[in-house]
Amino acid sequence: MNDSSVQRVKVVLAGAAGWAGSALARGIARQQDMQLVGAVGQRTAGRPLGEVLNDPQIDCVVSASVAAALSQPPGCDVYVEYSKPKDMAQVKTNVLAALAAGAHVVVGSSGLSDADYADIDSAAKARQRGVLACGNFALTAVLLQRFAEMAAAHIPNFEIIDFAKDTKPDAPSGTGRELALRLGKVRRPDLGVALDQVNGPPGVRGAQVNGVQVHAVRVPGFVLGIEVVFGMRDQRLHIRHEAGGSAEPYVDGALLAIRKVGSQHGVVRGLDRVMGL
């Protein structure tokens, strides 16, 4: 039972009936300092989320749109974008709508571009609100990103291998894209052979994301994995994160993001940026 004397963060969650969203909804319901006041989902719109998830601790109704969920009392402190729309423009629209409503935003959906985040950053700063964008909420993946940045500062050769199930449409994953963007800011890795000098089919050396070679592996048996391989003469370093079939690894990081997102204005990309690492 929640302690009524605690000032709770009011959360609206998009994608609350999905694989990861449902685990997060249950996680929010267990927190003393949070209240799940709204949810968004077209297929389950109009139904109590507790009924959809068979969890009596959850007491809110699913809305068909973000605008409808945000307009419901008692208001929203943090909007969590955890949906998986086919049109990524809808994610950007949702985030901007939440900022316009005065909420901070946690983004867990992958696929937004740097240009999208630039627009979102301007809107967030104008509203003096925070946006915390995380390609992966699993704490082991977050630590991988930070450790990889540390290694890239000292090792000039590295490449990323991005693992996922064969039905995952985006390549690289949000985790892989975010990692490449961050490592590319540390340095552009050396290539032993320039890409235009490779003797083989185009793309055989992977794709460049922010100057970093990324190889996307899509086969059954993986859920999500990410590995960075660093190499120096006669030595090699592998840093790897693997996720299993449960959504539980993402709950703790998402709860942390909800608690931390209001501590800054504008867009912050990466959960580790608010973890004091």
Protein backbone atom coordinates (compact mmCIF):
# COMPACT_ATOMS: atom_id res chain seq x y z
CA MET A 1 0.00 0.00 0.00
CA ASN A 2 1.27 3.47 -0.91
CA ASP A 3 2.02 5.95 1.89
CA SER A 4 -0.34 8.92 1.36
CA SER A 5 2.12 11.23 3.13
CA VAL A 6 4.69 10.80 0.34
CA GLN A 7 4.58 13.28 -2.55
CA ARG A 8 4.22 10.93 -5.48
CA VAL A 9 5.32 11.53 -9.06
CA LYS A 10 2.29 11.29 -11.35
CA VAL A 11 3.19 9.18 -14.40
CA VAL A 12 1.46 8.63 -17.75
CA LEU A 13 2.80 5.62 -19.64
CA ALA A 14 2.41 5.05 -23.38
CA GLY A 15 2.74 1.41 -24.41
CA ALA A 16 1.60 0.25 -20.98
CA ALA A 17 0.11 -3.00 -22.29
CA GLY A 18 3.19 -3.97 -24.30
CA TRP A 19 5.95 -6.43 -23.45
CA ALA A 20 8.22 -3.93 -21.70
CA GLY A 21 5.55 -1.38 -20.84
CA SER A 22 3.46 -3.85 -18.86
CA ALA A 23 6.44 -4.76 -16.68
CA LEU A 24 7.12 -1.07 -16.08
CA ALA A 25 3.46 -0.41 -15.24
CA ARG A 26 3.60 -3.10 -12.57
CA GLY A 27 6.91 -1.69 -11.34
CA ILE A 28 5.47 1.83 -11.01
CA ALA A 29 2.49 0.46 -9.08
CA ARG A 30 4.87 -1.01 -6.47
CA GLN A 31 6.64 2.29 -5.78
CA GLN A 32 5.88 4.44 -2.77
CA ASP A 33 6.90 7.65 -4.55
CA MET A 34 5.05 7.15 -7.87
CA GLN A 35 1.47 6.98 -9.08
CA LEU A 36 0.47 5.64 -12.49
CA VAL A 37 -2.32 8.07 -13.38
CA GLY A 38 -2.73 7.32 -17.08
CA ALA A 39 -1.87 4.92 -19.87
CA VAL A 40 -2.02 5.03 -23.66
CA GLY A 41 -2.88 2.14 -25.97
CA GLN A 42 -5.22 2.02 -28.95
CA ARG A 43 -6.06 -1.69 -28.75
CA THR A 44 -7.00 -1.51 -25.04
CA ALA A 45 -8.43 2.02 -24.94
CA GLY A 46 -11.32 2.51 -22.55
CA ARG A 47 -10.42 -0.43 -20.32
CA PRO A 48 -8.92 -0.26 -16.83
CA LEU A 49 -5.22 -1.05 -17.13
CA GLY A 50 -5.39 -3.19 -13.99
CA GLU A 51 -7.94 -5.38 -15.75
CA VAL A 52 -5.82 -5.59 -18.92
CA LEU A 53 -2.73 -6.63 -16.94
CA ASN A 54 -4.60 -8.59 -14.27
CA ASP A 55 -3.02 -6.47 -11.56
CA PRO A 56 -5.36 -4.94 -8.95
CA GLN A 57 -2.63 -2.53 -7.75
CA ILE A 58 -2.94 -0.57 -11.01
CA ASP A 59 -5.73 1.99 -10.94
CA CYS A 60 -6.00 3.93 -14.19
CA VAL A 61 -7.87 3.72 -17.49
CA VAL A 62 -6.19 3.30 -20.88
CA SER A 63 -6.67 6.25 -23.24
CA ALA A 64 -6.62 6.06 -27.02
CA SER A 65 -4.25 9.01 -27.42
CA VAL A 66 -1.51 10.83 -25.54
CA ALA A 67 -3.54 14.05 -25.59
CA ALA A 68 -6.48 12.30 -23.92
CA ALA A 69 -4.28 10.72 -21.24
CA LEU A 70 -2.53 14.00 -20.45
CA SER A 71 -5.81 15.87 -20.11
CA GLN A 72 -7.15 13.58 -17.38
CA PRO A 73 -6.94 14.66 -13.74
CA PRO A 74 -4.86 14.74 -11.57
CA GLY A 75 -2.38 15.84 -14.27
CA CYS A 76 0.99 14.43 -15.23
CA ASP A 77 4.50 15.07 -13.90
CA VAL A 78 6.37 12.58 -16.10
CA TYR A 79 5.28 11.14 -19.43
CA VAL A 80 7.01 7.89 -20.45
CA GLU A 81 7.12 7.16 -24.20
CA TYR A 82 7.38 3.39 -24.37
CA SER A 83 5.22 2.71 -27.40
CA LYS A 84 6.36 1.07 -30.63
CA PRO A 85 4.51 2.86 -33.44
CA LYS A 86 5.26 2.09 -37.06
CA ASP A 87 5.59 5.81 -37.75
CA MET A 88 8.38 7.35 -35.65
CA ALA A 89 6.93 10.78 -36.38
CA GLN A 90 4.18 9.85 -33.93
CA VAL A 91 6.74 9.37 -31.14
CA LYS A 92 8.08 12.89 -31.72
CA THR A 93 4.52 14.25 -31.76
CA ASN A 94 3.76 12.48 -28.47
CA VAL A 95 6.88 13.86 -26.80
CA LEU A 96 6.18 17.42 -27.94
CA ALA A 97 2.57 17.12 -26.76
CA ALA A 98 3.72 16.01 -23.32
CA LEU A 99 6.17 18.92 -23.07
CA ALA A 100 3.44 21.33 -24.12
CA ALA A 101 1.29 19.91 -21.30
CA GLY A 102 4.04 20.73 -18.80
CA ALA A 103 5.37 17.21 -18.22
CA HIS A 104 8.93 15.97 -18.14
CA VAL A 105 9.52 13.12 -20.60
CA VAL A 106 11.34 9.79 -20.52
CA VAL A 107 11.87 8.34 -24.00
CA GLY A 108 12.30 4.58 -24.27
CA SER A 109 11.24 4.21 -27.91
CA SER A 110 14.08 3.93 -30.42
CA GLY A 111 14.28 5.50 -33.84
CA LEU A 112 14.24 9.26 -33.26
CA SER A 113 16.91 11.06 -35.28
CA ASP A 114 19.43 13.68 -34.15
CA ALA A 115 17.27 16.30 -35.90
CA ASP A 116 14.22 15.09 -33.96
CA TYR A 117 16.09 15.41 -30.69
CA ALA A 118 17.29 18.89 -31.64
CA ASP A 119 13.66 19.98 -32.07
CA ILE A 120 12.67 18.27 -28.83
CA ASP A 121 15.57 19.89 -26.98
CA SER A 122 14.44 23.35 -28.08
CA ALA A 123 10.88 22.66 -26.95
CA ALA A 124 12.02 21.22 -23.61
CA LYS A 125 14.26 24.18 -22.83
CA ALA A 126 11.51 26.62 -23.76
CA ARG A 127 9.24 24.86 -21.25
CA GLN A 128 12.04 24.35 -18.70
CA ARG A 129 11.42 20.62 -18.75
CA GLY A 130 13.71 17.63 -18.94
CA VAL A 131 13.77 14.87 -21.55
CA LEU A 132 15.80 11.77 -20.70
CA ALA A 133 16.26 9.54 -23.75
CA CYS A 134 17.51 6.00 -23.15
CA GLY A 135 18.23 3.49 -25.88
CA ASN A 136 18.22 0.80 -23.22
CA PHE A 137 17.10 0.95 -19.59
CA ALA A 138 18.93 -2.22 -18.51
CA LEU A 139 21.57 -1.15 -16.02
CA THR A 140 24.14 -3.56 -17.45
CA ALA A 141 23.66 -1.97 -20.89
CA VAL A 142 23.97 1.49 -19.37
CA LEU A 143 27.24 0.51 -17.73
CA LEU A 144 28.48 -0.98 -21.00
CA GLN A 145 27.99 2.37 -22.69
CA ARG A 146 29.95 4.20 -20.04
CA PHE A 147 32.77 1.63 -19.89
CA ALA A 148 33.00 1.63 -23.70
CA GLU A 149 33.43 5.41 -23.74
CA MET A 150 36.26 5.07 -21.24
CA ALA A 151 37.94 2.40 -23.38
CA ALA A 152 37.51 4.38 -26.61
CA ALA A 153 39.46 7.25 -25.09
CA HIS A 154 42.52 4.97 -24.95
CA ILE A 155 42.06 2.40 -27.75
CA PRO A 156 41.89 3.70 -31.32
CA ASN A 157 40.40 0.62 -33.03
CA PHE A 158 36.90 -0.64 -32.24
CA GLU A 159 33.68 -1.83 -33.84
CA ILE A 160 30.15 -2.57 -32.60
CA ILE A 161 28.18 -5.79 -33.04
CA ASP A 162 24.43 -5.38 -32.53
CA PHE A 163 22.47 -8.61 -31.85
CA ALA A 164 18.67 -9.02 -31.96
CA LYS A 165 15.95 -11.42 -33.00
CA ASP A 166 15.31 -11.90 -36.70
CA THR A 167 11.97 -10.02 -36.60
CA LYS A 168 13.40 -6.77 -35.20
CA PRO A 169 12.87 -4.21 -37.99
CA ASP A 170 15.27 -1.47 -36.90
CA ALA A 171 18.98 -1.93 -37.49
CA PRO A 172 20.95 -0.96 -35.62
CA SER A 173 18.83 -1.10 -32.50
CA GLY A 174 18.27 2.01 -30.44
CA THR A 175 20.96 0.73 -28.09
CA GLY A 176 23.43 0.22 -30.95
CA ARG A 177 22.67 3.58 -32.51
CA GLU A 178 23.06 5.43 -29.22
CA LEU A 179 26.32 3.61 -28.48
CA ALA A 180 27.77 4.48 -31.90
CA LEU A 181 26.81 8.11 -31.52
CA ARG A 182 28.47 8.30 -28.15
CA LEU A 183 31.65 6.48 -29.12
CA GLY A 184 31.97 8.57 -32.27
CA LYS A 185 32.04 11.68 -30.10
CA VAL A 186 35.00 10.23 -28.18
CA ARG A 187 36.93 9.45 -31.37
CA ARG A 188 36.48 8.15 -34.90
CA PRO A 189 38.10 4.69 -34.85
CA ASP A 190 40.99 3.85 -37.15
CA LEU A 191 40.38 1.49 -40.04
CA GLY A 192 43.20 -0.74 -41.26
CA VAL A 193 41.76 -0.60 -44.78
CA ALA A 194 39.69 2.34 -45.99
CA LEU A 195 36.13 1.35 -46.84
CA ASP A 196 36.49 2.34 -50.48
CA GLN A 197 39.51 0.01 -50.69
CA VAL A 198 37.72 -3.08 -49.33
CA ASN A 199 37.80 -5.98 -51.77
CA GLY A 200 34.27 -7.34 -51.40
CA PRO A 201 30.54 -6.57 -51.70
CA PRO A 202 29.34 -3.13 -50.56
CA GLY A 203 28.37 -3.14 -46.90
CA VAL A 204 30.37 -6.24 -46.00
CA ARG A 205 32.28 -4.16 -43.42
CA GLY A 206 29.03 -3.05 -41.82
CA ALA A 207 27.50 0.41 -41.81
CA GLN A 208 29.00 3.60 -40.46
CA VAL A 209 27.05 5.36 -37.72
CA ASN A 210 28.75 8.57 -36.64
CA GLY A 211 32.00 7.24 -38.03
CA VAL A 212 31.79 3.92 -36.16
CA GLN A 213 31.43 0.55 -37.91
CA VAL A 214 28.26 -1.24 -36.77
CA HIS A 215 27.33 -4.82 -37.68
CA ALA A 216 23.70 -5.84 -37.10
CA VAL A 217 23.12 -9.57 -36.55
CA ARG A 218 19.46 -10.63 -36.77
CA VAL A 219 18.81 -14.31 -36.03
CA PRO A 220 16.35 -16.24 -33.84
CA GLY A 221 17.53 -16.92 -30.32
CA PHE A 222 18.59 -13.38 -29.47
CA VAL A 223 16.45 -10.86 -27.64
CA LEU A 224 18.96 -8.05 -27.53
CA GLY A 225 22.71 -7.99 -27.21
CA ILE A 226 25.38 -5.40 -27.82
CA GLU A 227 29.14 -5.86 -27.95
CA VAL A 228 32.04 -3.51 -28.55
CA VAL A 229 35.30 -5.10 -29.68
CA PHE A 230 38.44 -3.02 -29.04
CA GLY A 231 41.79 -4.01 -30.48
CA MET A 232 45.42 -3.03 -30.07
CA ARG A 233 48.56 -4.84 -31.11
CA ASP A 234 48.50 -8.34 -29.57
CA GLN A 235 45.59 -7.54 -27.26
CA ARG A 236 41.82 -7.28 -27.48
CA LEU A 237 39.01 -6.13 -25.19
CA HIS A 238 35.37 -7.26 -25.48
CA ILE A 239 32.61 -5.44 -23.59
CA ARG A 240 29.24 -7.14 -23.99
CA HIS A 241 25.68 -6.90 -22.68
CA GLU A 242 23.09 -9.65 -23.16
CA ALA A 243 19.38 -9.48 -22.32
CA GLY A 244 17.16 -12.51 -21.81
CA GLY A 245 13.51 -13.03 -22.59
CA SER A 246 12.10 -11.14 -19.61
CA ALA A 247 11.35 -7.42 -19.54
CA GLU A 248 12.41 -7.17 -15.89
CA PRO A 249 15.96 -5.91 -16.66
CA TYR A 250 14.48 -2.67 -18.00
CA VAL A 251 12.26 -1.83 -15.02
CA ASP A 252 14.85 -0.61 -12.50
CA GLY A 253 16.52 1.68 -15.03
CA ALA A 254 13.20 3.12 -16.19
CA LEU A 255 12.15 3.83 -12.60
CA LEU A 256 15.46 5.59 -12.06
CA ALA A 257 14.88 7.65 -15.21
CA ILE A 258 11.44 8.72 -13.98
CA ARG A 259 12.97 9.87 -10.70
CA LYS A 260 15.86 11.73 -12.36
CA VAL A 261 14.32 13.32 -15.46
CA GLY A 262 13.19 16.44 -13.64
CA SER A 263 16.72 17.26 -12.50
CA GLN A 264 17.69 19.00 -15.76
CA HIS A 265 16.21 21.02 -18.62
CA GLY A 266 16.50 19.96 -22.25
CA VAL A 267 17.45 16.62 -23.73
CA VAL A 268 19.87 14.27 -22.00
CA ARG A 269 20.74 11.11 -23.90
CA GLY A 270 21.81 8.14 -21.82
CA LEU A 271 20.73 7.04 -18.35
CA ASP A 272 24.33 7.07 -17.11
CA ARG A 273 24.38 10.86 -17.52
CA VAL A 274 22.16 11.13 -14.42
CA MET A 275 23.73 8.28 -12.46
CA GLY A 276 26.84 10.12 -11.28
CA LEU A 277 29.19 7.75 -13.12
